[in-house]
Amino acid sequence: MTAALAGFALGLSLILAIGAQNAFVLRQGLRRAHVLPVVLVCALSDALLIAAGVAGFGALTKAIPGLETAMRLFGAAFLIWYGARTLRAAWKGGEALTAGPEAGSLRTAILTCLAFTWLNPHVYLDTVVLLGAVSAQYDDRLSFALGAMTASFAFFFALGYGARLLAPLFARPQAWRILDLIIGLTMWAIAAKLLFG
């Protein structure tokens, strides 16, 4: 039980920060667009990464020279593109929950979500390497992994479906412009951190 609680606490603390993936889930939740597939993609991806880390896969990034750099560059490129797209939406304005453009296809939502998840080098460092290293301290690594996976599922479902509580606020176009501005700048800040340290 101690290992499961430790896994839950560490897993939750690693995904609480607002990052590109969380901002995307929040946006989909606010729009009530493809929420279940998006939160499932995030949670299941995390579960795979946690399992890989606990199973010792974290050594791969150290074993393959240049892998971390390649992941960092691909992740930064994607964040720059998505940040520019979001900042453009903030500049144009006019979007609201009741009058905004379509949220996009299910395929687009899933591919975007997969990119935010798998092109983010921090997910490998945090989820695979860090969780994997901490899990080695516990005899019951399976319980640790299950605790971390439970935290991921709980967080993403709460974020995706809890976003609807903010729907009245986001019925106003100005609120969307502010959210898009914050998300776009967050994407670019994360990209800058990936590129410059």
N, C-alpha and C. Protein backbone atom coordinates (compact mmCIF):
# COMPACT_ATOMS: atom_id res chain seq x y z
N MET A 1 0.83 -1.20 0.00
CA MET A 1 0.00 0.00 0.00
C MET A 1 0.86 1.25 0.00
N THR A 2 1.98 1.22 0.70
CA THR A 2 2.87 2.37 0.74
C THR A 2 3.43 2.67 -0.64
N ALA A 3 3.79 1.63 -1.37
CA ALA A 3 4.33 1.82 -2.72
C ALA A 3 3.28 2.42 -3.64
N ALA A 4 2.04 1.97 -3.54
CA ALA A 4 0.97 2.49 -4.39
C ALA A 4 0.71 3.96 -4.09
N LEU A 5 0.69 4.33 -2.81
CA LEU A 5 0.48 5.74 -2.44
C LEU A 5 1.63 6.61 -2.90
N ALA A 6 2.85 6.10 -2.77
CA ALA A 6 4.01 6.86 -3.23
C ALA A 6 3.96 7.05 -4.74
N GLY A 7 3.58 6.00 -5.46
CA GLY A 7 3.45 6.10 -6.91
C GLY A 7 2.37 7.08 -7.31
N PHE A 8 1.24 7.05 -6.59
CA PHE A 8 0.15 7.98 -6.88
C PHE A 8 0.60 9.42 -6.65
N ALA A 9 1.24 9.67 -5.51
CA ALA A 9 1.67 11.03 -5.16
C ALA A 9 2.70 11.56 -6.15
N LEU A 10 3.68 10.76 -6.48
CA LEU A 10 4.72 11.21 -7.41
C LEU A 10 4.13 11.38 -8.81
N GLY A 11 3.32 10.43 -9.25
CA GLY A 11 2.70 10.54 -10.57
C GLY A 11 1.85 11.79 -10.69
N LEU A 12 1.06 12.08 -9.68
CA LEU A 12 0.21 13.26 -9.70
C LEU A 12 1.03 14.54 -9.70
N SER A 13 2.09 14.57 -8.90
CA SER A 13 2.91 15.79 -8.83
C SER A 13 3.60 16.08 -10.15
N LEU A 14 3.92 15.04 -10.92
CA LEU A 14 4.61 15.24 -12.19
C LEU A 14 3.69 15.76 -13.29
N ILE A 15 2.39 15.48 -13.20
CA ILE A 15 1.49 15.92 -14.28
C ILE A 15 0.64 17.11 -13.91
N LEU A 16 0.75 17.61 -12.69
CA LEU A 16 -0.08 18.74 -12.26
C LEU A 16 0.27 20.05 -12.96
N ALA A 17 1.53 20.24 -13.29
CA ALA A 17 1.93 21.51 -13.90
C ALA A 17 1.24 21.70 -15.24
N ILE A 18 0.85 22.94 -15.52
CA ILE A 18 0.20 23.22 -16.81
C ILE A 18 1.27 23.18 -17.89
N GLY A 19 1.13 22.24 -18.75
CA GLY A 19 2.03 22.11 -19.89
C GLY A 19 1.20 22.00 -21.16
N ALA A 20 1.87 21.72 -22.24
CA ALA A 20 1.21 21.67 -23.54
C ALA A 20 0.08 20.64 -23.56
N GLN A 21 0.35 19.46 -23.05
CA GLN A 21 -0.64 18.39 -23.06
C GLN A 21 -1.86 18.77 -22.21
N ASN A 22 -1.60 19.27 -21.02
CA ASN A 22 -2.70 19.64 -20.12
C ASN A 22 -3.53 20.78 -20.69
N ALA A 23 -2.86 21.74 -21.32
CA ALA A 23 -3.58 22.86 -21.93
C ALA A 23 -4.48 22.35 -23.05
N PHE A 24 -4.00 21.39 -23.82
CA PHE A 24 -4.81 20.83 -24.90
C PHE A 24 -6.03 20.09 -24.34
N VAL A 25 -5.82 19.30 -23.28
CA VAL A 25 -6.94 18.58 -22.66
C VAL A 25 -7.96 19.57 -22.11
N LEU A 26 -7.49 20.63 -21.47
CA LEU A 26 -8.38 21.65 -20.94
C LEU A 26 -9.21 22.28 -22.06
N ARG A 27 -8.55 22.60 -23.14
CA ARG A 27 -9.25 23.22 -24.28
C ARG A 27 -10.31 22.27 -24.85
N GLN A 28 -9.97 21.01 -25.00
CA GLN A 28 -10.95 20.04 -25.51
C GLN A 28 -12.11 19.88 -24.54
N GLY A 29 -11.79 19.89 -23.24
CA GLY A 29 -12.85 19.78 -22.23
C GLY A 29 -13.78 20.97 -22.25
N LEU A 30 -13.22 22.16 -22.42
CA LEU A 30 -14.05 23.37 -22.49
C LEU A 30 -14.98 23.32 -23.70
N ARG A 31 -14.48 22.78 -24.78
CA ARG A 31 -15.29 22.70 -26.00
C ARG A 31 -16.19 21.47 -26.01
N ARG A 32 -15.96 20.59 -25.06
CA ARG A 32 -16.69 19.31 -25.00
C ARG A 32 -16.54 18.56 -26.32
N ALA A 33 -15.32 18.57 -26.81
CA ALA A 33 -15.02 17.97 -28.11
C ALA A 33 -14.06 16.79 -27.94
N HIS A 34 -14.54 15.61 -28.23
CA HIS A 34 -13.70 14.40 -28.21
C HIS A 34 -13.01 14.20 -26.86
N VAL A 35 -13.69 14.53 -25.77
CA VAL A 35 -13.06 14.50 -24.45
C VAL A 35 -12.64 13.09 -24.06
N LEU A 36 -13.53 12.13 -24.19
CA LEU A 36 -13.19 10.76 -23.78
C LEU A 36 -11.99 10.20 -24.55
N PRO A 37 -11.96 10.28 -25.88
CA PRO A 37 -10.77 9.78 -26.58
C PRO A 37 -9.50 10.51 -26.19
N VAL A 38 -9.58 11.82 -25.99
CA VAL A 38 -8.39 12.60 -25.64
C VAL A 38 -7.87 12.21 -24.27
N VAL A 39 -8.75 12.12 -23.27
CA VAL A 39 -8.26 11.76 -21.94
C VAL A 39 -7.77 10.32 -21.90
N LEU A 40 -8.41 9.45 -22.68
CA LEU A 40 -7.92 8.06 -22.74
C LEU A 40 -6.55 7.97 -23.39
N VAL A 41 -6.33 8.72 -24.47
CA VAL A 41 -5.01 8.72 -25.12
C VAL A 41 -3.95 9.20 -24.13
N CYS A 42 -4.24 10.27 -23.40
CA CYS A 42 -3.27 10.80 -22.43
C CYS A 42 -2.99 9.79 -21.32
N ALA A 43 -4.04 9.26 -20.72
CA ALA A 43 -3.88 8.35 -19.60
C ALA A 43 -3.23 7.03 -20.01
N LEU A 44 -3.65 6.48 -21.15
CA LEU A 44 -3.06 5.21 -21.61
C LEU A 44 -1.60 5.40 -22.03
N SER A 45 -1.29 6.55 -22.64
CA SER A 45 0.10 6.83 -22.99
C SER A 45 0.95 6.92 -21.74
N ASP A 46 0.44 7.63 -20.74
CA ASP A 46 1.16 7.70 -19.47
C ASP A 46 1.37 6.32 -18.86
N ALA A 47 0.32 5.49 -18.92
CA ALA A 47 0.43 4.14 -18.36
C ALA A 47 1.53 3.35 -19.05
N LEU A 48 1.61 3.47 -20.38
CA LEU A 48 2.68 2.77 -21.12
C LEU A 48 4.06 3.29 -20.71
N LEU A 49 4.17 4.60 -20.59
CA LEU A 49 5.46 5.20 -20.22
C LEU A 49 5.85 4.83 -18.79
N ILE A 50 4.87 4.82 -17.89
CA ILE A 50 5.14 4.42 -16.50
C ILE A 50 5.60 2.97 -16.46
N ALA A 51 4.89 2.11 -17.18
CA ALA A 51 5.26 0.70 -17.22
C ALA A 51 6.67 0.52 -17.77
N ALA A 52 7.00 1.27 -18.81
CA ALA A 52 8.34 1.18 -19.39
C ALA A 52 9.39 1.65 -18.38
N GLY A 53 9.11 2.75 -17.70
CA GLY A 53 10.07 3.26 -16.72
C GLY A 53 10.29 2.30 -15.57
N VAL A 54 9.20 1.76 -15.03
CA VAL A 54 9.30 0.83 -13.90
C VAL A 54 9.98 -0.46 -14.35
N ALA A 55 9.80 -0.84 -15.61
CA ALA A 55 10.44 -2.06 -16.12
C ALA A 55 11.91 -1.83 -16.48
N GLY A 56 12.41 -0.60 -16.34
CA GLY A 56 13.82 -0.34 -16.58
C GLY A 56 14.15 0.23 -17.94
N PHE A 57 13.16 0.71 -18.67
CA PHE A 57 13.36 1.23 -20.01
C PHE A 57 14.07 2.58 -20.01
N GLY A 58 14.12 3.23 -18.84
CA GLY A 58 14.75 4.54 -18.74
C GLY A 58 16.20 4.54 -19.17
N ALA A 59 16.87 3.40 -19.10
CA ALA A 59 18.27 3.32 -19.50
C ALA A 59 18.46 3.53 -21.00
N LEU A 60 17.38 3.40 -21.78
CA LEU A 60 17.47 3.55 -23.23
C LEU A 60 17.97 4.94 -23.62
N THR A 61 17.46 5.97 -22.94
CA THR A 61 17.88 7.33 -23.29
C THR A 61 19.36 7.55 -23.02
N LYS A 62 19.90 6.82 -22.06
CA LYS A 62 21.34 6.93 -21.77
C LYS A 62 22.15 6.04 -22.71
N ALA A 63 21.54 4.96 -23.18
CA ALA A 63 22.25 4.00 -24.02
C ALA A 63 22.37 4.45 -25.48
N ILE A 64 21.43 5.26 -25.95
CA ILE A 64 21.45 5.69 -27.35
C ILE A 64 21.89 7.15 -27.41
N PRO A 65 23.11 7.40 -27.83
CA PRO A 65 23.59 8.79 -27.92
C PRO A 65 22.75 9.59 -28.91
N GLY A 66 22.38 10.79 -28.52
CA GLY A 66 21.63 11.66 -29.40
C GLY A 66 20.12 11.50 -29.34
N LEU A 67 19.62 10.48 -28.68
CA LEU A 67 18.18 10.25 -28.62
C LEU A 67 17.48 11.40 -27.88
N GLU A 68 18.05 11.81 -26.77
CA GLU A 68 17.45 12.89 -25.99
C GLU A 68 17.43 14.20 -26.80
N THR A 69 18.51 14.47 -27.52
CA THR A 69 18.58 15.69 -28.34
C THR A 69 17.54 15.65 -29.45
N ALA A 70 17.40 14.52 -30.11
CA ALA A 70 16.42 14.39 -31.19
C ALA A 70 15.01 14.58 -30.66
N MET A 71 14.70 13.98 -29.50
CA MET A 71 13.37 14.14 -28.92
C MET A 71 13.12 15.61 -28.55
N ARG A 72 14.15 16.25 -28.05
CA ARG A 72 14.02 17.65 -27.65
C ARG A 72 13.73 18.54 -28.85
N LEU A 73 14.45 18.34 -29.96
CA LEU A 73 14.26 19.16 -31.16
C LEU A 73 12.90 18.94 -31.82
N PHE A 74 12.48 17.68 -31.92
CA PHE A 74 11.15 17.39 -32.48
C PHE A 74 10.06 17.98 -31.61
N GLY A 75 10.21 17.84 -30.30
CA GLY A 75 9.23 18.40 -29.38
C GLY A 75 9.15 19.91 -29.48
N ALA A 76 10.29 20.57 -29.56
CA ALA A 76 10.32 22.04 -29.66
C ALA A 76 9.68 22.50 -30.97
N ALA A 77 9.95 21.81 -32.06
CA ALA A 77 9.37 22.19 -33.35
C ALA A 77 7.85 22.09 -33.31
N PHE A 78 7.35 21.02 -32.74
CA PHE A 78 5.91 20.86 -32.64
C PHE A 78 5.29 21.95 -31.76
N LEU A 79 5.92 22.26 -30.63
CA LEU A 79 5.39 23.28 -29.73
C LEU A 79 5.40 24.67 -30.37
N ILE A 80 6.43 24.97 -31.15
CA ILE A 80 6.49 26.26 -31.84
C ILE A 80 5.34 26.37 -32.83
N TRP A 81 5.11 25.31 -33.62
CA TRP A 81 4.01 25.31 -34.58
C TRP A 81 2.66 25.47 -33.89
N TYR A 82 2.42 24.67 -32.86
CA TYR A 82 1.12 24.72 -32.18
C TYR A 82 0.94 26.05 -31.45
N GLY A 83 2.00 26.57 -30.85
CA GLY A 83 1.93 27.87 -30.19
C GLY A 83 1.58 28.97 -31.16
N ALA A 84 2.18 28.95 -32.36
CA ALA A 84 1.89 29.96 -33.38
C ALA A 84 0.43 29.86 -33.82
N ARG A 85 -0.05 28.66 -33.97
CA ARG A 85 -1.44 28.45 -34.36
C ARG A 85 -2.40 29.00 -33.29
N THR A 86 -2.08 28.76 -32.04
CA THR A 86 -2.93 29.22 -30.94
C THR A 86 -2.86 30.74 -30.79
N LEU A 87 -1.67 31.31 -30.95
CA LEU A 87 -1.54 32.77 -30.87
C LEU A 87 -2.28 33.44 -32.02
N ARG A 88 -2.29 32.82 -33.16
CA ARG A 88 -3.05 33.35 -34.30
C ARG A 88 -4.55 33.38 -33.97
N ALA A 89 -5.02 32.32 -33.31
CA ALA A 89 -6.43 32.27 -32.90
C ALA A 89 -6.72 33.36 -31.88
N ALA A 90 -5.77 33.63 -30.98
CA ALA A 90 -5.96 34.70 -29.99
C ALA A 90 -6.01 36.06 -30.68
N TRP A 91 -5.19 36.24 -31.69
CA TRP A 91 -5.15 37.52 -32.43
C TRP A 91 -6.46 37.75 -33.18
N LYS A 92 -6.94 36.69 -33.86
CA LYS A 92 -8.17 36.80 -34.63
C LYS A 92 -9.39 37.00 -33.74
N GLY A 93 -9.42 36.26 -32.63
CA GLY A 93 -10.54 36.37 -31.70
C GLY A 93 -11.84 35.87 -32.30
N GLY A 94 -12.93 36.21 -31.64
CA GLY A 94 -14.25 35.87 -32.14
C GLY A 94 -14.73 34.49 -31.76
N GLU A 95 -13.94 33.74 -31.01
CA GLU A 95 -14.35 32.39 -30.67
C GLU A 95 -15.04 32.39 -29.31
N ALA A 96 -16.06 31.58 -29.20
CA ALA A 96 -16.76 31.34 -27.94
C ALA A 96 -17.33 29.95 -27.99
N LEU A 97 -17.68 29.42 -26.86
CA LEU A 97 -18.23 28.07 -26.84
C LEU A 97 -19.47 27.94 -27.71
N THR A 98 -20.26 28.99 -27.76
CA THR A 98 -21.51 28.90 -28.51
C THR A 98 -21.35 29.32 -29.96
N ALA A 99 -20.28 30.05 -30.31
CA ALA A 99 -20.19 30.59 -31.67
C ALA A 99 -18.86 30.30 -32.33
N GLY A 100 -18.05 29.45 -31.73
CA GLY A 100 -16.72 29.20 -32.26
C GLY A 100 -16.72 28.22 -33.40
N PRO A 101 -15.59 28.10 -34.10
CA PRO A 101 -15.48 27.13 -35.17
C PRO A 101 -15.48 25.71 -34.62
N GLU A 102 -15.66 24.77 -35.48
CA GLU A 102 -15.65 23.37 -35.07
C GLU A 102 -14.31 23.02 -34.43
N ALA A 103 -14.36 22.10 -33.50
CA ALA A 103 -13.17 21.72 -32.74
C ALA A 103 -12.23 20.84 -33.55
N GLY A 104 -12.64 20.42 -34.71
CA GLY A 104 -11.79 19.55 -35.52
C GLY A 104 -12.27 18.12 -35.41
N SER A 105 -11.71 17.31 -36.28
CA SER A 105 -12.12 15.91 -36.33
C SER A 105 -11.53 15.14 -35.16
N LEU A 106 -12.11 13.98 -34.93
CA LEU A 106 -11.59 13.08 -33.90
C LEU A 106 -10.15 12.70 -34.23
N ARG A 107 -9.89 12.43 -35.50
CA ARG A 107 -8.54 12.06 -35.93
C ARG A 107 -7.54 13.16 -35.60
N THR A 108 -7.89 14.42 -35.91
CA THR A 108 -7.00 15.55 -35.63
C THR A 108 -6.76 15.69 -34.13
N ALA A 109 -7.82 15.55 -33.35
CA ALA A 109 -7.69 15.66 -31.89
C ALA A 109 -6.76 14.59 -31.34
N ILE A 110 -6.91 13.36 -31.80
CA ILE A 110 -6.08 12.26 -31.30
C ILE A 110 -4.63 12.43 -31.75
N LEU A 111 -4.42 12.79 -33.02
CA LEU A 111 -3.05 12.98 -33.51
C LEU A 111 -2.35 14.13 -32.77
N THR A 112 -3.08 15.21 -32.51
CA THR A 112 -2.51 16.33 -31.76
C THR A 112 -2.16 15.89 -30.35
N CYS A 113 -3.06 15.16 -29.74
CA CYS A 113 -2.83 14.66 -28.38
C CYS A 113 -1.62 13.72 -28.34
N LEU A 114 -1.52 12.84 -29.30
CA LEU A 114 -0.37 11.93 -29.37
C LEU A 114 0.93 12.70 -29.55
N ALA A 115 0.90 13.74 -30.36
CA ALA A 115 2.10 14.56 -30.56
C ALA A 115 2.50 15.25 -29.27
N PHE A 116 1.53 15.84 -28.57
CA PHE A 116 1.85 16.50 -27.29
C PHE A 116 2.43 15.51 -26.30
N THR A 117 1.98 14.29 -26.35
CA THR A 117 2.44 13.28 -25.40
C THR A 117 3.80 12.72 -25.79
N TRP A 118 3.91 12.21 -27.00
CA TRP A 118 5.09 11.44 -27.38
C TRP A 118 6.24 12.27 -27.93
N LEU A 119 5.99 13.52 -28.32
CA LEU A 119 7.08 14.38 -28.79
C LEU A 119 7.63 15.28 -27.67
N ASN A 120 7.16 15.08 -26.48
CA ASN A 120 7.60 15.88 -25.34
C ASN A 120 8.73 15.15 -24.63
N PRO A 121 9.96 15.65 -24.73
CA PRO A 121 11.07 14.95 -24.08
C PRO A 121 10.94 14.91 -22.57
N HIS A 122 10.23 15.88 -21.98
CA HIS A 122 10.07 15.87 -20.53
C HIS A 122 9.27 14.66 -20.06
N VAL A 123 8.38 14.16 -20.92
CA VAL A 123 7.60 13.00 -20.53
C VAL A 123 8.52 11.79 -20.34
N TYR A 124 9.57 11.70 -21.14
CA TYR A 124 10.50 10.59 -21.01
C TYR A 124 11.36 10.76 -19.77
N LEU A 125 11.80 11.99 -19.54
CA LEU A 125 12.65 12.24 -18.37
C LEU A 125 11.85 12.08 -17.09
N ASP A 126 10.64 12.65 -17.05
CA ASP A 126 9.83 12.58 -15.83
C ASP A 126 9.21 11.21 -15.64
N THR A 127 8.46 10.78 -16.64
CA THR A 127 7.67 9.57 -16.49
C THR A 127 8.51 8.31 -16.57
N VAL A 128 9.41 8.24 -17.54
CA VAL A 128 10.18 7.02 -17.71
C VAL A 128 11.38 6.98 -16.77
N VAL A 129 12.23 7.99 -16.85
CA VAL A 129 13.48 7.95 -16.09
C VAL A 129 13.23 8.18 -14.60
N LEU A 130 12.56 9.28 -14.25
CA LEU A 130 12.37 9.62 -12.84
C LEU A 130 11.50 8.60 -12.12
N LEU A 131 10.31 8.33 -12.67
CA LEU A 131 9.44 7.34 -12.03
C LEU A 131 10.11 5.97 -11.98
N GLY A 132 10.82 5.63 -13.06
CA GLY A 132 11.53 4.36 -13.07
C GLY A 132 12.59 4.27 -11.99
N ALA A 133 13.34 5.36 -11.80
CA ALA A 133 14.39 5.39 -10.78
C ALA A 133 13.80 5.32 -9.38
N VAL A 134 12.73 6.08 -9.14
CA VAL A 134 12.11 6.08 -7.81
C VAL A 134 11.48 4.73 -7.50
N SER A 135 10.90 4.09 -8.50
CA SER A 135 10.25 2.80 -8.28
C SER A 135 11.23 1.73 -7.82
N ALA A 136 12.50 1.90 -8.19
CA ALA A 136 13.51 0.92 -7.81
C ALA A 136 13.70 0.86 -6.29
N GLN A 137 13.25 1.89 -5.59
CA GLN A 137 13.39 1.93 -4.13
C GLN A 137 12.37 1.03 -3.44
N TYR A 138 11.37 0.56 -4.16
CA TYR A 138 10.29 -0.22 -3.56
C TYR A 138 10.37 -1.68 -4.00
N ASP A 139 10.10 -2.55 -3.04
CA ASP A 139 10.06 -3.98 -3.36
C ASP A 139 8.86 -4.28 -4.25
N ASP A 140 7.75 -3.60 -3.99
CA ASP A 140 6.53 -3.82 -4.75
C ASP A 140 6.42 -2.77 -5.86
N ARG A 141 7.22 -2.94 -6.89
CA ARG A 141 7.23 -1.95 -7.98
C ARG A 141 5.93 -1.96 -8.78
N LEU A 142 5.26 -3.10 -8.81
CA LEU A 142 3.99 -3.17 -9.52
C LEU A 142 2.96 -2.24 -8.86
N SER A 143 2.89 -2.26 -7.54
CA SER A 143 1.95 -1.38 -6.83
C SER A 143 2.32 0.08 -7.06
N PHE A 144 3.61 0.37 -7.07
CA PHE A 144 4.07 1.74 -7.33
C PHE A 144 3.59 2.19 -8.71
N ALA A 145 3.79 1.34 -9.70
CA ALA A 145 3.38 1.66 -11.07
C ALA A 145 1.86 1.84 -11.16
N LEU A 146 1.11 0.96 -10.53
CA LEU A 146 -0.35 1.06 -10.56
C LEU A 146 -0.82 2.35 -9.86
N GLY A 147 -0.15 2.74 -8.80
CA GLY A 147 -0.48 4.00 -8.12
C GLY A 147 -0.25 5.19 -9.04
N ALA A 148 0.89 5.20 -9.73
CA ALA A 148 1.19 6.30 -10.66
C ALA A 148 0.21 6.32 -11.83
N MET A 149 -0.15 5.15 -12.34
CA MET A 149 -1.12 5.06 -13.44
C MET A 149 -2.50 5.56 -13.00
N THR A 150 -2.88 5.21 -11.78
CA THR A 150 -4.17 5.67 -11.24
C THR A 150 -4.20 7.19 -11.14
N ALA A 151 -3.08 7.80 -10.73
CA ALA A 151 -3.00 9.26 -10.64
C ALA A 151 -3.19 9.88 -12.02
N SER A 152 -2.59 9.28 -13.01
CA SER A 152 -2.71 9.80 -14.37
C SER A 152 -4.15 9.75 -14.86
N PHE A 153 -4.80 8.60 -14.69
CA PHE A 153 -6.19 8.48 -15.11
C PHE A 153 -7.08 9.47 -14.36
N ALA A 154 -6.90 9.57 -13.05
CA ALA A 154 -7.72 10.48 -12.24
C ALA A 154 -7.52 11.93 -12.69
N PHE A 155 -6.27 12.32 -12.92
CA PHE A 155 -6.00 13.70 -13.30
C PHE A 155 -6.60 14.05 -14.65
N PHE A 156 -6.35 13.23 -15.66
CA PHE A 156 -6.81 13.56 -17.00
C PHE A 156 -8.33 13.55 -17.11
N PHE A 157 -8.99 12.60 -16.43
CA PHE A 157 -10.45 12.60 -16.45
C PHE A 157 -11.00 13.81 -15.71
N ALA A 158 -10.40 14.18 -14.59
CA ALA A 158 -10.86 15.37 -13.86
C ALA A 158 -10.65 16.63 -14.69
N LEU A 159 -9.51 16.74 -15.36
CA LEU A 159 -9.23 17.92 -16.17
C LEU A 159 -10.16 18.00 -17.38
N GLY A 160 -10.30 16.90 -18.09
CA GLY A 160 -11.13 16.90 -19.30
C GLY A 160 -12.60 17.13 -19.01
N TYR A 161 -13.12 16.44 -18.01
CA TYR A 161 -14.54 16.56 -17.72
C TYR A 161 -14.85 17.69 -16.73
N GLY A 162 -13.89 18.07 -15.92
CA GLY A 162 -14.09 19.19 -14.99
C GLY A 162 -14.06 20.53 -15.68
N ALA A 163 -13.48 20.58 -16.86
CA ALA A 163 -13.39 21.85 -17.60
C ALA A 163 -14.76 22.42 -17.90
N ARG A 164 -15.77 21.57 -18.00
CA ARG A 164 -17.11 22.07 -18.32
C ARG A 164 -17.66 23.00 -17.25
N LEU A 165 -17.12 22.93 -16.03
CA LEU A 165 -17.54 23.86 -14.98
C LEU A 165 -17.15 25.29 -15.32
N LEU A 166 -16.15 25.43 -16.18
CA LEU A 166 -15.71 26.76 -16.61
C LEU A 166 -16.44 27.24 -17.86
N ALA A 167 -17.34 26.43 -18.38
CA ALA A 167 -18.03 26.76 -19.63
C ALA A 167 -18.71 28.13 -19.62
N PRO A 168 -19.39 28.54 -18.55
CA PRO A 168 -20.02 29.87 -18.59
C PRO A 168 -19.01 31.00 -18.82
N LEU A 169 -17.84 30.87 -18.22
CA LEU A 169 -16.80 31.88 -18.43
C LEU A 169 -16.37 31.91 -19.90
N PHE A 170 -16.24 30.73 -20.50
CA PHE A 170 -15.73 30.66 -21.87
C PHE A 170 -16.83 30.79 -22.92
N ALA A 171 -18.02 31.21 -22.50
CA ALA A 171 -19.05 31.60 -23.46
C ALA A 171 -18.73 32.99 -24.01
N ARG A 172 -17.81 33.69 -23.37
CA ARG A 172 -17.40 35.03 -23.81
C ARG A 172 -16.16 34.92 -24.69
N PRO A 173 -16.18 35.52 -25.88
CA PRO A 173 -15.03 35.44 -26.79
C PRO A 173 -13.73 35.96 -26.16
N GLN A 174 -13.80 36.98 -25.33
CA GLN A 174 -12.59 37.54 -24.73
C GLN A 174 -11.88 36.51 -23.85
N ALA A 175 -12.63 35.65 -23.17
CA ALA A 175 -12.02 34.61 -22.33
C ALA A 175 -11.23 33.63 -23.20
N TRP A 176 -11.77 33.29 -24.38
CA TRP A 176 -11.04 32.39 -25.30
C TRP A 176 -9.75 33.05 -25.78
N ARG A 177 -9.81 34.34 -26.07
CA ARG A 177 -8.61 35.04 -26.53
C ARG A 177 -7.53 35.00 -25.46
N ILE A 178 -7.92 35.20 -24.22
CA ILE A 178 -6.95 35.17 -23.12
C ILE A 178 -6.40 33.76 -22.94
N LEU A 179 -7.29 32.75 -22.98
CA LEU A 179 -6.82 31.36 -22.86
C LEU A 179 -5.87 31.01 -24.00
N ASP A 180 -6.24 31.37 -25.24
CA ASP A 180 -5.37 31.08 -26.38
C ASP A 180 -4.02 31.78 -26.23
N LEU A 181 -4.04 33.02 -25.76
CA LEU A 181 -2.79 33.76 -25.55
C LEU A 181 -1.92 33.05 -24.52
N ILE A 182 -2.52 32.65 -23.40
CA ILE A 182 -1.76 31.96 -22.35
C ILE A 182 -1.22 30.63 -22.87
N ILE A 183 -2.05 29.88 -23.58
CA ILE A 183 -1.61 28.58 -24.10
C ILE A 183 -0.50 28.77 -25.12
N GLY A 184 -0.67 29.72 -26.05
CA GLY A 184 0.37 29.95 -27.06
C GLY A 184 1.70 30.35 -26.44
N LEU A 185 1.66 31.27 -25.49
CA LEU A 185 2.90 31.70 -24.82
C LEU A 185 3.51 30.56 -24.01
N THR A 186 2.65 29.73 -23.39
CA THR A 186 3.15 28.57 -22.64
C THR A 186 3.87 27.61 -23.58
N MET A 187 3.28 27.36 -24.75
CA MET A 187 3.92 26.46 -25.73
C MET A 187 5.29 26.99 -26.13
N TRP A 188 5.36 28.29 -26.41
CA TRP A 188 6.63 28.87 -26.83
C TRP A 188 7.64 28.89 -25.69
N ALA A 189 7.19 29.11 -24.47
CA ALA A 189 8.10 29.09 -23.32
C ALA A 189 8.68 27.69 -23.13
N ILE A 190 7.84 26.67 -23.27
CA ILE A 190 8.33 25.29 -23.15
C ILE A 190 9.30 24.97 -24.28
N ALA A 191 8.97 25.43 -25.49
CA ALA A 191 9.86 25.20 -26.63
C ALA A 191 11.21 25.88 -26.41
N ALA A 192 11.19 27.11 -25.90
CA ALA A 192 12.45 27.83 -25.63
C ALA A 192 13.27 27.11 -24.59
N LYS A 193 12.59 26.58 -23.57
CA LYS A 193 13.30 25.83 -22.53
C LYS A 193 13.93 24.57 -23.10
N LEU A 194 13.22 23.91 -24.02
CA LEU A 194 13.77 22.72 -24.66
C LEU A 194 14.98 23.06 -25.52
N LEU A 195 14.92 24.19 -26.21
CA LEU A 195 16.00 24.55 -27.13
C LEU A 195 17.21 25.17 -26.43
N PHE A 196 16.95 25.98 -25.41
CA PHE A 196 18.04 26.77 -24.83
C PHE A 196 18.36 26.42 -23.39
N GLY A 197 17.75 25.39 -22.86
CA GLY A 197 18.16 24.96 -21.54
C GLY A 197 17.13 25.14 -20.49
